[in-house]
C-alpha atoms as a PDB file:
ATOM      1  CA  PHE A   1      11.256  -6.607  11.862  1.00  0.00           C
ATOM      2  CA  LEU A   2      11.010  -7.725   8.215  1.00  0.00           C
ATOM      3  CA  SER A   3      14.773  -8.289   8.000  1.00  0.00           C
ATOM      4  CA  GLU A   4      14.678 -10.471  11.103  1.00  0.00           C
ATOM      5  CA  LEU A   5      11.644 -12.442   9.942  1.00  0.00           C
ATOM      6  CA  LEU A   6      12.798 -13.025   6.354  1.00  0.00           C
ATOM      7  CA  LYS A   7      16.503 -13.428   7.231  1.00  0.00           C
ATOM      8  CA  ILE A   8      17.493 -11.032   4.433  1.00  0.00           C
ATOM      9  CA  ASP A   9      18.269  -7.336   4.370  1.00  0.00           C
ATOM     10  CA  ILE A  10      15.109  -5.398   3.570  1.00  0.00           C
ATOM     11  CA  PHE A  11      15.172  -1.848   2.297  1.00  0.00           C
ATOM     12  CA  ILE A  12      11.696  -0.440   1.891  1.00  0.00           C
ATOM     13  CA  GLU A  13      11.160   1.402  -1.373  1.00  0.00           C
ATOM     14  CA  ASN A  14       7.719   2.645  -0.404  1.00  0.00           C
ATOM     15  CA  ILE A  15       4.650   1.919   1.660  1.00  0.00           C
ATOM     16  CA  ILE A  16       1.686   1.666  -0.676  1.00  0.00           C
ATOM     17  CA  GLU A  17      -1.951   2.655  -0.088  1.00  0.00           C
ATOM     18  CA  SER A  18      -3.471   0.547   2.633  1.00  0.00           C
ATOM     19  CA  GLN A  19      -6.819  -0.306   1.055  1.00  0.00           C
ATOM     20  CA  THR A  20      -7.687  -2.099  -2.150  1.00  0.00           C
ATOM     21  CA  ASN A  21     -10.554  -0.460  -3.967  1.00  0.00           C
ATOM     22  CA  LYS A  22     -13.253  -2.448  -5.688  1.00  0.00           C
ATOM     23  CA  LEU A  23     -13.265  -2.176  -9.468  1.00  0.00           C
ATOM     24  CA  GLU A  24     -16.656  -3.890  -9.782  1.00  0.00           C
ATOM     25  CA  PRO A  25     -19.513  -4.004  -7.281  1.00  0.00           C
ATOM     26  CA  THR A  26     -19.083  -7.798  -7.105  1.00  0.00           C
ATOM     27  CA  ASP A  27     -15.329  -7.640  -6.320  1.00  0.00           C
ATOM     28  CA  LYS A  28     -14.187  -8.772  -2.914  1.00  0.00           C
ATOM     29  CA  SER A  29     -12.397  -6.006  -1.066  1.00  0.00           C
ATOM     30  CA  ASN A  30      -9.128  -6.530   0.745  1.00  0.00           C
ATOM     31  CA  GLN A  31      -8.124  -4.258   3.584  1.00  0.00           C
ATOM     32  CA  VAL A  32      -4.381  -4.232   3.959  1.00  0.00           C
ATOM     33  CA  ASP A  33      -2.744  -2.976   7.097  1.00  0.00           C
ATOM     34  CA  ILE A  34       0.633  -2.381   5.422  1.00  0.00           C
ATOM     35  CA  LEU A  35       1.749  -3.053   1.859  1.00  0.00           C
ATOM     36  CA  VAL A  36       5.497  -2.685   1.344  1.00  0.00           C
ATOM     37  CA  LYS A  37       7.545  -2.816  -1.832  1.00  0.00           C
ATOM     38  CA  ASN A  38      11.255  -3.481  -1.412  1.00  0.00           C
ATOM     39  CA  THR A  39      14.083  -2.403  -3.702  1.00  0.00           C
ATOM     40  CA  GLU A  40      13.774  -5.648  -5.744  1.00  0.00           C
ATOM     41  CA  GLY A  41      10.103  -4.907  -6.390  1.00  0.00           C
ATOM     42  CA  GLU A  42       8.930  -7.743  -4.159  1.00  0.00           C
ATOM     43  CA  LEU A  43       5.632  -7.093  -2.393  1.00  0.00           C
ATOM     44  CA  MET A  44       5.094  -7.611   1.318  1.00  0.00           C
ATOM     45  CA  LEU A  45       1.516  -7.749   2.482  1.00  0.00           C
ATOM     46  CA  ILE A  46       1.340  -7.328   6.263  1.00  0.00           C
ATOM     47  CA  GLU A  47      -2.049  -7.846   7.876  1.00  0.00           C
ATOM     48  CA  VAL A  48      -3.042  -7.748  11.520  1.00  0.00           C
ATOM     49  CA  GLN A  49      -6.209  -9.648  12.384  1.00  0.00           C
ATOM     50  CA  ASN A  50      -7.796  -9.337  15.818  1.00  0.00           C
ATOM     51  CA  GLU A  51     -11.153 -10.994  15.193  1.00  0.00           C
ATOM     52  CA  LYS A  52     -11.410 -14.753  14.737  1.00  0.00           C
ATOM     53  CA  GLU A  53     -12.109 -15.747  11.135  1.00  0.00           C
ATOM     54  CA  HIS A  54     -12.500 -19.461  10.503  1.00  0.00           C
ATOM     55  CA  ASP A  55     -11.820 -18.942   6.791  1.00  0.00           C
ATOM     56  CA  TYR A  56      -8.713 -16.794   7.323  1.00  0.00           C
ATOM     57  CA  PHE A  57      -6.491 -19.195   5.334  1.00  0.00           C
ATOM     58  CA  HIS A  58      -8.663 -18.450   2.293  1.00  0.00           C
ATOM     59  CA  ARG A  59      -8.416 -14.735   3.054  1.00  0.00           C
ATOM     60  CA  MET A  60      -4.603 -15.041   2.981  1.00  0.00           C
ATOM     61  CA  ASN A  61      -4.749 -16.785  -0.403  1.00  0.00           C
ATOM     62  CA  PHE A  62      -7.192 -14.215  -1.779  1.00  0.00           C
ATOM     63  CA  GLY A  63      -5.051 -11.309  -0.552  1.00  0.00           C
ATOM     64  CA  GLN A  64      -1.873 -12.485  -2.259  1.00  0.00           C
ATOM     65  CA  ALA A  65      -3.708 -13.370  -5.487  1.00  0.00           C
ATOM     66  CA  LYS A  66      -5.386  -9.962  -5.649  1.00  0.00           C
ATOM     67  CA  LEU A  67      -2.053  -8.273  -4.939  1.00  0.00           C
ATOM     68  CA  ILE A  68      -0.421 -10.073  -7.870  1.00  0.00           C
ATOM     69  CA  THR A  69      -3.215  -9.226 -10.302  1.00  0.00           C
ATOM     70  CA  GLU A  70      -3.208  -5.576  -9.250  1.00  0.00           C
ATOM     71  CA  ASN A  71       0.533  -5.293  -9.869  1.00  0.00           C
ATOM     72  CA  ILE A  72       0.752  -6.587 -13.441  1.00  0.00           C
ATOM     73  CA  ASN A  73      -0.649  -4.932 -16.537  1.00  0.00           C
ATOM     74  CA  ALA A  74      -2.361  -6.506 -19.531  1.00  0.00           C
ATOM     75  CA  GLY A  75       0.303  -7.463 -22.057  1.00  0.00           C
ATOM     76  CA  ASP A  76       3.079  -7.811 -19.453  1.00  0.00           C
ATOM     77  CA  LYS A  77       5.012 -11.067 -19.512  1.00  0.00           C
ATOM     78  CA  TYR A  78       4.265 -13.428 -16.662  1.00  0.00           C
ATOM     79  CA  SER A  79       7.945 -13.324 -15.738  1.00  0.00           C
ATOM     80  CA  GLN A  80       7.209  -9.804 -14.443  1.00  0.00           C
ATOM     81  CA  VAL A  81       4.954 -11.152 -11.677  1.00  0.00           C
ATOM     82  CA  LYS A  82       6.506 -10.027  -8.419  1.00  0.00           C
ATOM     83  CA  LYS A  83       7.274 -12.271  -5.463  1.00  0.00           C
ATOM     84  CA  VAL A  84       4.760 -11.804  -2.645  1.00  0.00           C
ATOM     85  CA  TYR A  85       5.348 -12.272   1.063  1.00  0.00           C
ATOM     86  CA  SER A  86       2.089 -12.584   3.008  1.00  0.00           C
ATOM     87  CA  ILE A  87       2.838 -11.786   6.650  1.00  0.00           C
ATOM     88  CA  ASN A  88      -0.143 -12.379   8.899  1.00  0.00           C
ATOM     89  CA  ILE A  89      -0.124 -11.314  12.531  1.00  0.00           C
ATOM     90  CA  VAL A  90      -3.118 -12.927  14.208  1.00  0.00           C
ATOM     91  CA  TYR A  91      -4.471 -12.583  17.726  1.00  0.00           C
ATOM     92  CA  PHE A  92      -6.540 -15.776  17.687  1.00  0.00           C
ATOM     93  CA  ASP A  93      -5.857 -19.492  17.348  1.00  0.00           C
ATOM     94  CA  LEU A  94      -5.440 -20.017  13.603  1.00  0.00           C
ATOM     95  CA  GLY A  95      -5.051 -23.708  12.946  1.00  0.00           C
ATOM     96  CA  HIS A  96      -3.733 -26.350  15.316  1.00  0.00           C
ATOM     97  CA  GLY A  97      -0.139 -25.937  16.441  1.00  0.00           C
ATOM     98  CA  GLU A  98       1.894 -24.771  19.417  1.00  0.00           C
ATOM     99  CA  ASP A  99       4.588 -22.708  17.678  1.00  0.00           C
ATOM    100  CA  TYR A 100       3.939 -19.024  17.271  1.00  0.00           C
ATOM    101  CA  ILE A 101       5.612 -18.453  13.893  1.00  0.00           C
ATOM    102  CA  TYR A 102       4.808 -20.588  10.847  1.00  0.00           C
ATOM    103  CA  LYS A 103       6.215 -20.316   7.335  1.00  0.00           C
ATOM    104  CA  GLY A 104       4.627 -21.854   4.257  1.00  0.00           C
ATOM    105  CA  ASN A 105       5.247 -21.903   0.521  1.00  0.00           C
ATOM    106  CA  THR A 106       4.366 -23.817  -2.618  1.00  0.00           C
ATOM    107  CA  SER A 107       6.538 -26.750  -3.629  1.00  0.00           C
ATOM    108  CA  PHE A 108       5.999 -29.424  -6.251  1.00  0.00           C
ATOM    109  CA  LYS A 109       6.835 -33.070  -5.544  1.00  0.00           C
ATOM    110  CA  GLY A 110       6.525 -36.001  -7.888  1.00  0.00           C
ATOM    111  CA  ILE A 111       3.638 -38.283  -7.038  1.00  0.00           C
ATOM    112  CA  HIS A 112       5.651 -41.393  -7.908  1.00  0.00           C
ATOM    113  CA  SER A 113       9.280 -40.398  -7.390  1.00  0.00           C
ATOM    114  CA  HIS A 114       8.712 -37.864  -4.563  1.00  0.00           C
ATOM    115  CA  GLU A 115      11.448 -35.719  -6.107  1.00  0.00           C
ATOM    116  CA  GLU A 116      11.221 -31.941  -5.886  1.00  0.00           C
ATOM    117  CA  LEU A 117      10.519 -30.257  -9.237  1.00  0.00           C
ATOM    118  CA  GLY A 118      13.355 -27.926 -10.224  1.00  0.00           C
ATOM    119  CA  LEU A 119      13.838 -25.081 -12.678  1.00  0.00           C
ATOM    120  CA  THR A 120      15.413 -25.631 -16.087  1.00  0.00           C
ATOM    121  CA  SER A 121      18.579 -23.720 -16.988  1.00  0.00           C
ATOM    122  CA  ILE A 122      16.488 -21.371 -19.184  1.00  0.00           C
ATOM    123  CA  GLN A 123      14.086 -20.717 -16.291  1.00  0.00           C
ATOM    124  CA  LYS A 124      17.005 -20.038 -13.956  1.00  0.00           C
ATOM    125  CA  GLY A 125      18.145 -17.343 -16.373  1.00  0.00           C
ATOM    126  CA  LEU A 126      14.642 -15.899 -16.697  1.00  0.00           C
ATOM    127  CA  TYR A 127      13.715 -15.794 -13.019  1.00  0.00           C
ATOM    128  CA  PRO A 128      15.612 -14.558  -9.986  1.00  0.00           C
ATOM    129  CA  ALA A 129      14.954 -17.909  -8.303  1.00  0.00           C
ATOM    130  CA  LYS A 130      16.751 -21.100  -7.390  1.00  0.00           C
ATOM    131  CA  GLU A 131      13.635 -23.277  -7.277  1.00  0.00           C
ATOM    132  CA  PRO A 132       9.941 -22.997  -8.214  1.00  0.00           C
ATOM    133  CA  ALA A 133       8.921 -22.323  -4.596  1.00  0.00           C
ATOM    134  CA  ASP A 134      10.909 -19.057  -4.781  1.00  0.00           C
ATOM    135  CA  LEU A 135       8.471 -17.787  -7.433  1.00  0.00           C
ATOM    136  CA  PHE A 136       5.310 -18.312  -5.414  1.00  0.00           C
ATOM    137  CA  ALA A 137       4.001 -16.463  -2.389  1.00  0.00           C
ATOM    138  CA  THR A 138       5.681 -17.169   0.907  1.00  0.00           C
ATOM    139  CA  TYR A 139       3.332 -17.052   3.864  1.00  0.00           C
ATOM    140  CA  TYR A 140       4.141 -16.231   7.450  1.00  0.00           C
ATOM    141  CA  ILE A 141       1.648 -16.634  10.269  1.00  0.00           C
ATOM    142  CA  ILE A 142       2.577 -15.077  13.584  1.00  0.00           C
ATOM    143  CA  LYS A 143       0.237 -16.318  16.296  1.00  0.00           C
ATOM    144  CA  ILE A 144       0.793 -13.656  18.941  1.00  0.00           C
ATOM    145  CA  ASN A 145      -1.224 -15.475  21.625  1.00  0.00           C
ATOM    146  CA  ASN A 146       1.178 -18.456  21.387  1.00  0.00           C
ATOM    147  CA  PHE A 147       4.266 -16.349  22.223  1.00  0.00           C
ATOM    148  CA  ASN A 148       5.458 -17.131  25.753  1.00  0.00           C
ATOM    149  CA  ASP A 149       7.011 -13.679  26.401  1.00  0.00           C
ATOM    150  CA  PHE A 150      10.494 -15.205  26.587  1.00  0.00           C
ATOM    151  CA  ALA A 151      12.875 -13.898  23.910  1.00  0.00           C
ATOM    152  CA  LYS A 152      15.263 -16.608  22.667  1.00  0.00           C
ATOM    153  CA  ASP A 153      16.487 -14.726  19.582  1.00  0.00           C
ATOM    154  CA  SER A 154      16.371 -11.312  17.891  1.00  0.00           C
ATOM    155  CA  LEU A 155      13.043 -12.080  16.154  1.00  0.00           C
ATOM    156  CA  ASP A 156      11.473 -12.897  19.526  1.00  0.00           C
ATOM    157  CA  GLU A 157      12.651  -9.518  20.782  1.00  0.00           C
ATOM    158  CA  TRP A 158      10.616  -7.837  18.044  1.00  0.00           C
ATOM    159  CA  ILE A 159       7.525  -9.823  18.986  1.00  0.00           C
END
């Protein structure tokens, strides 16, 4: 399923504990359905949400941010921050749109020139990335209720 969705070969290194524990009483908790680490160390947070949550977009952002902070130690270089894929399978209408699979990421565009910000040659050597968006979380939202039960490709067959 992950290989079909991400369009890359995925080899799972391990499936990590499925609940984030609170370190402080005031911490927000994050229940994870599946947390996968692939052979490149990238993290894949897979959550299934049945109940409608109007603030679910914020929950997605919180989940990936907490995952990053829990997987880097004090003193580590920021270049060791792992890529996160946030894969959200929802059984309610999240946002307005008719498609059933959405992909989102962070990109930087000039306000005046509208050009896409790129990496310098030093950054290209430091990071395993072609562009800044490759360094930030990539989000997938799969709106199950929008699927029409007609498989047009191999990803549809998984759904």
